[in-house]
C-alpha atoms as a PDB file:
ATOM      1  CA  MET A   1     142.275 168.803  49.858  1.00  0.00           C
ATOM      2  CA  ALA A   2     140.459 167.558  53.205  1.00  0.00           C
ATOM      3  CA  THR A   3     141.177 171.091  55.004  1.00  0.00           C
ATOM      4  CA  THR A   4     139.650 172.461  51.872  1.00  0.00           C
ATOM      5  CA  SER A   5     136.348 169.855  52.143  1.00  0.00           C
ATOM      6  CA  ASN A   6     136.371 170.391  55.560  1.00  0.00           C
ATOM      7  CA  THR A   7     136.465 174.127  55.417  1.00  0.00           C
ATOM      8  CA  SER A   8     133.653 174.019  52.814  1.00  0.00           C
ATOM      9  CA  ARG A   9     131.219 171.947  55.017  1.00  0.00           C
ATOM     10  CA  GLU A  10     132.416 174.004  57.751  1.00  0.00           C
ATOM     11  CA  GLN A  11     130.561 177.411  55.866  1.00  0.00           C
ATOM     12  CA  ALA A  12     128.101 175.740  54.320  1.00  0.00           C
ATOM     13  CA  GLY A  13     126.918 174.492  58.136  1.00  0.00           C
ATOM     14  CA  ASN A  14     127.784 178.072  59.224  1.00  0.00           C
ATOM     15  CA  ALA A  15     126.096 179.181  56.166  1.00  0.00           C
ATOM     16  CA  ALA A  16     123.045 177.007  57.178  1.00  0.00           C
ATOM     17  CA  THR A  17     123.285 177.943  60.649  1.00  0.00           C
ATOM     18  CA  ASP A  18     122.787 181.594  59.811  1.00  0.00           C
ATOM     19  CA  LEU A  19     120.007 180.841  57.434  1.00  0.00           C
ATOM     20  CA  LYS A  20     118.458 179.292  60.163  1.00  0.00           C
ATOM     21  CA  ASN A  21     118.821 182.249  62.987  1.00  0.00           C
ATOM     22  CA  LYS A  22     117.410 184.421  60.367  1.00  0.00           C
ATOM     23  CA  ALA A  23     114.278 182.375  59.305  1.00  0.00           C
ATOM     24  CA  GLN A  24     113.433 182.098  62.880  1.00  0.00           C
ATOM     25  CA  ALA A  25     114.487 185.895  63.517  1.00  0.00           C
ATOM     26  CA  ALA A  26     111.872 186.385  60.382  1.00  0.00           C
ATOM     27  CA  GLY A  27     109.571 183.816  62.313  1.00  0.00           C
ATOM     28  CA  SER A  28     109.673 185.328  65.481  1.00  0.00           C
ATOM     29  CA  GLN A  29     109.596 189.297  64.569  1.00  0.00           C
ATOM     30  CA  ALA A  30     106.131 188.106  61.782  1.00  0.00           C
ATOM     31  CA  ALA A  31     104.505 186.427  65.112  1.00  0.00           C
ATOM     32  CA  ASP A  32     104.874 190.031  66.813  1.00  0.00           C
ATOM     33  CA  LYS A  33     103.630 191.844  64.767  1.00  0.00           C
ATOM     34  CA  GLY A  34     101.023 189.218  64.605  1.00  0.00           C
ATOM     35  CA  LYS A  35      99.939 189.626  68.031  1.00  0.00           C
ATOM     36  CA  ASP A  36     100.263 193.073  67.982  1.00  0.00           C
ATOM     37  CA  LEU A  37      97.159 192.881  64.708  1.00  0.00           C
ATOM     38  CA  LEU A  38      95.531 191.240  66.590  1.00  0.00           C
ATOM     39  CA  ASP A  39      95.544 192.912  69.722  1.00  0.00           C
ATOM     40  CA  LYS A  40      94.490 195.801  67.921  1.00  0.00           C
ATOM     41  CA  ALA A  41      91.806 194.119  65.561  1.00  0.00           C
ATOM     42  CA  LYS A  42      90.288 192.748  69.280  1.00  0.00           C
ATOM     43  CA  ASP A  43      90.443 196.454  70.854  1.00  0.00           C
ATOM     44  CA  MET A  44      88.891 198.071  67.734  1.00  0.00           C
ATOM     45  CA  GLY A  45      86.426 195.461  67.908  1.00  0.00           C
ATOM     46  CA  SER A  46      85.685 196.008  71.719  1.00  0.00           C
ATOM     47  CA  ASN A  47      85.945 199.750  70.701  1.00  0.00           C
ATOM     48  CA  LEU A  48      82.871 199.017  67.860  1.00  0.00           C
ATOM     49  CA  ALA A  49      80.864 197.013  70.514  1.00  0.00           C
ATOM     50  CA  ASP A  50      81.547 200.006  73.427  1.00  0.00           C
ATOM     51  CA  LYS A  51      79.981 202.289  70.655  1.00  0.00           C
ATOM     52  CA  ALA A  52      77.252 200.116  69.419  1.00  0.00           C
ATOM     53  CA  LYS A  53      75.738 199.675  72.855  1.00  0.00           C
ATOM     54  CA  ASP A  54      75.903 203.602  73.577  1.00  0.00           C
ATOM     55  CA  PHE A  55      73.791 203.928  70.059  1.00  0.00           C
ATOM     56  CA  GLY A  56      71.586 201.415  71.661  1.00  0.00           C
ATOM     57  CA  SER A  57      71.096 202.806  75.008  1.00  0.00           C
ATOM     58  CA  ASN A  58      70.745 206.319  73.573  1.00  0.00           C
ATOM     59  CA  LEU A  59      68.247 204.875  70.541  1.00  0.00           C
ATOM     60  CA  ALA A  60      66.407 203.197  73.533  1.00  0.00           C
ATOM     61  CA  ASP A  61      66.045 206.618  75.418  1.00  0.00           C
ATOM     62  CA  LYS A  62      65.261 208.598  72.850  1.00  0.00           C
ATOM     63  CA  ALA A  63      62.844 206.370  72.073  1.00  0.00           C
ATOM     64  CA  LYS A  64      61.838 205.959  75.758  1.00  0.00           C
ATOM     65  CA  ASP A  65      61.604 209.978  76.253  1.00  0.00           C
ATOM     66  CA  PHE A  66      59.183 210.097  72.870  1.00  0.00           C
ATOM     67  CA  GLY A  67      56.780 207.808  73.743  1.00  0.00           C
ATOM     68  CA  THR A  68      56.587 209.724  77.400  1.00  0.00           C
ATOM     69  CA  ALA A  69      56.330 212.742  75.270  1.00  0.00           C
ATOM     70  CA  ALA A  70      53.576 211.611  73.864  1.00  0.00           C
ATOM     71  CA  GLY A  71      52.190 210.451  76.212  1.00  0.00           C
ATOM     72  CA  HIS A  72      51.846 213.895  78.209  1.00  0.00           C
ATOM     73  CA  LYS A  73      50.868 215.900  74.529  1.00  0.00           C
ATOM     74  CA  ALA A  74      47.281 213.073  74.087  1.00  0.00           C
ATOM     75  CA  GLU A  75      47.139 213.360  78.177  1.00  0.00           C
ATOM     76  CA  ASP A  76      46.790 217.327  77.704  1.00  0.00           C
ATOM     77  CA  ALA A  77      44.605 216.877  74.590  1.00  0.00           C
ATOM     78  CA  VAL A  78      42.313 215.241  76.235  1.00  0.00           C
ATOM     79  CA  GLY A  79      42.306 217.268  79.192  1.00  0.00           C
ATOM     80  CA  ALA A  80      41.693 219.936  76.941  1.00  0.00           C
ATOM     81  CA  VAL A  81      38.840 218.477  74.892  1.00  0.00           C
ATOM     82  CA  GLY A  82      37.279 217.985  78.656  1.00  0.00           C
ATOM     83  CA  SER A  83      37.555 222.085  78.965  1.00  0.00           C
ATOM     84  CA  GLY A  84      35.563 222.602  75.732  1.00  0.00           C
ATOM     85  CA  MET A  85      32.929 220.179  77.101  1.00  0.00           C
ATOM     86  CA  GLU A  86      32.450 222.144  80.405  1.00  0.00           C
ATOM     87  CA  SER A  87      32.503 225.235  78.202  1.00  0.00           C
ATOM     88  CA  LEU A  88      30.690 224.286  75.271  1.00  0.00           C
ATOM     89  CA  ALA A  89      27.891 223.047  78.407  1.00  0.00           C
ATOM     90  CA  GLY A  90      28.070 226.526  80.184  1.00  0.00           C
ATOM     91  CA  THR A  91      27.681 228.253  76.558  1.00  0.00           C
ATOM     92  CA  MET A  92      24.197 225.830  75.726  1.00  0.00           C
ATOM     93  CA  ARG A  93      23.088 226.890  79.390  1.00  0.00           C
ATOM     94  CA  ASP A  94      23.189 230.531  78.213  1.00  0.00           C
ATOM     95  CA  LYS A  95      21.972 230.844  75.035  1.00  0.00           C
ATOM     96  CA  LEU A  96      19.238 227.906  74.352  1.00  0.00           C
ATOM     97  CA  PRO A  97      16.046 228.321  76.751  1.00  0.00           C
ATOM     98  CA  SER A  98      15.444 226.717  79.899  1.00  0.00           C
ATOM     99  CA  GLU A  99      12.015 226.477  80.129  1.00  0.00           C
ATOM    100  CA  GLY A 100       9.982 224.161  78.273  1.00  0.00           C
ATOM    101  CA  TYR A 101      10.607 220.686  76.227  1.00  0.00           C
ATOM    102  CA  LEU A 102      13.242 222.520  74.675  1.00  0.00           C
ATOM    103  CA  GLY A 103      14.592 223.983  77.781  1.00  0.00           C
ATOM    104  CA  SER A 104      14.676 220.369  79.908  1.00  0.00           C
ATOM    105  CA  ALA A 105      15.857 218.473  77.036  1.00  0.00           C
ATOM    106  CA  SER A 106      19.113 221.814  76.363  1.00  0.00           C
ATOM    107  CA  SER A 107      19.624 221.847  80.335  1.00  0.00           C
ATOM    108  CA  ALA A 108      19.966 217.808  79.961  1.00  0.00           C
ATOM    109  CA  VAL A 109      22.679 218.106  76.857  1.00  0.00           C
ATOM    110  CA  ALA A 110      24.468 220.950  78.791  1.00  0.00           C
ATOM    111  CA  GLY A 111      24.472 218.590  81.755  1.00  0.00           C
ATOM    112  CA  ALA A 112      25.798 215.196  80.267  1.00  0.00           C
ATOM    113  CA  LEU A 113      28.805 217.773  78.931  1.00  0.00           C
ATOM    114  CA  GLU A 114      29.694 219.041  81.769  1.00  0.00           C
ATOM    115  CA  GLN A 115      30.082 215.643  83.590  1.00  0.00           C
ATOM    116  CA  GLY A 116      32.208 214.606  80.800  1.00  0.00           C
ATOM    117  CA  GLY A 117      33.948 217.277  80.027  1.00  0.00           C
ATOM    118  CA  HIS A 118      34.805 216.879  83.995  1.00  0.00           C
ATOM    119  CA  TYR A 119      35.295 212.930  83.996  1.00  0.00           C
ATOM    120  CA  LEU A 120      37.853 213.535  80.650  1.00  0.00           C
ATOM    121  CA  ARG A 121      39.870 216.670  82.180  1.00  0.00           C
ATOM    122  CA  GLU A 122      40.028 214.946  85.915  1.00  0.00           C
ATOM    123  CA  GLU A 123      40.616 211.492  84.802  1.00  0.00           C
ATOM    124  CA  GLY A 124      42.409 211.553  81.675  1.00  0.00           C
ATOM    125  CA  LEU A 125      43.309 209.009  79.598  1.00  0.00           C
ATOM    126  CA  SER A 126      44.679 206.549  82.533  1.00  0.00           C
ATOM    127  CA  GLY A 127      41.609 207.067  84.566  1.00  0.00           C
ATOM    128  CA  MET A 128      39.662 205.801  81.514  1.00  0.00           C
ATOM    129  CA  ALA A 129      41.353 203.140  80.417  1.00  0.00           C
ATOM    130  CA  ASP A 130      41.451 201.544  84.170  1.00  0.00           C
ATOM    131  CA  ASP A 131      37.426 202.627  85.026  1.00  0.00           C
ATOM    132  CA  LEU A 132      36.939 200.578  81.239  1.00  0.00           C
ATOM    133  CA  THR A 133      38.864 197.664  82.260  1.00  0.00           C
ATOM    134  CA  GLY A 134      37.180 197.427  85.696  1.00  0.00           C
ATOM    135  CA  LEU A 135      33.998 197.649  83.062  1.00  0.00           C
ATOM    136  CA  ILE A 136      35.082 194.821  81.673  1.00  0.00           C
ATOM    137  CA  ARG A 137      36.213 192.433  84.488  1.00  0.00           C
ATOM    138  CA  ARG A 138      32.369 193.008  86.032  1.00  0.00           C
ATOM    139  CA  ASN A 139      30.531 192.188  82.665  1.00  0.00           C
ATOM    140  CA  PRO A 140      32.568 189.683  80.484  1.00  0.00           C
ATOM    141  CA  ILE A 141      29.869 188.420  78.375  1.00  0.00           C
ATOM    142  CA  PRO A 142      28.343 191.468  76.722  1.00  0.00           C
ATOM    143  CA  ALA A 143      32.054 192.953  77.067  1.00  0.00           C
ATOM    144  CA  VAL A 144      33.020 189.569  74.533  1.00  0.00           C
ATOM    145  CA  LEU A 145      29.296 190.434  72.742  1.00  0.00           C
ATOM    146  CA  VAL A 146      30.288 194.001  72.235  1.00  0.00           C
ATOM    147  CA  GLY A 147      33.135 192.657  70.698  1.00  0.00           C
ATOM    148  CA  ILE A 148      32.271 190.619  68.236  1.00  0.00           C
ATOM    149  CA  GLY A 149      29.809 192.991  67.561  1.00  0.00           C
ATOM    150  CA  VAL A 150      32.398 195.359  66.690  1.00  0.00           C
ATOM    151  CA  GLY A 151      34.211 193.589  64.474  1.00  0.00           C
ATOM    152  CA  TYR A 152      31.159 192.235  62.479  1.00  0.00           C
ATOM    153  CA  LEU A 153      30.187 195.625  61.886  1.00  0.00           C
ATOM    154  CA  LEU A 154      33.769 196.542  60.535  1.00  0.00           C
ATOM    155  CA  ALA A 155      34.394 193.499  58.447  1.00  0.00           C
ATOM    156  CA  CYS A 156      31.055 194.786  56.687  1.00  0.00           C
ATOM    157  CA  ALA A 157      32.892 198.084  56.523  1.00  0.00           C
ATOM    158  CA  THR A 158      35.731 196.867  54.860  1.00  0.00           C
ATOM    159  CA  ARG A 159      34.085 194.394  52.667  1.00  0.00           C
ATOM    160  CA  SER A 160      32.231 197.034  50.766  1.00  0.00           C
END
């Protein structure tokens, strides 16, 4: 009987060892698969981050291009207004009388239109902004008073 009991114990021990080895192998396989999944998730996350970065960069470039194009169109429009003002001044000089009180008034208006049109055509929006900045720096108190007056008028206009 001792032999039978030793054999049973050996078989039970061998079965436990086999079960232990199988469990370790399954655990190792699960860990390897987990590592693979983690690596794939990291790669996908990295790819997604790269794509988001590229998309954001492309969007910023398009917005910059749109802003630049809008600025150029605004400059072109201001230049066209300036040319139109100069043309109107020439038409006024041709069509309106050149003598007498009406002639001097029309000549003064045509001259002012011509000067304003030339200024707009030559300087554009950026030149106007620079000139306005210089004017405000040279005359800060009147600029503040004009701002307060314009604000008051806008408040009155929007209240009613």
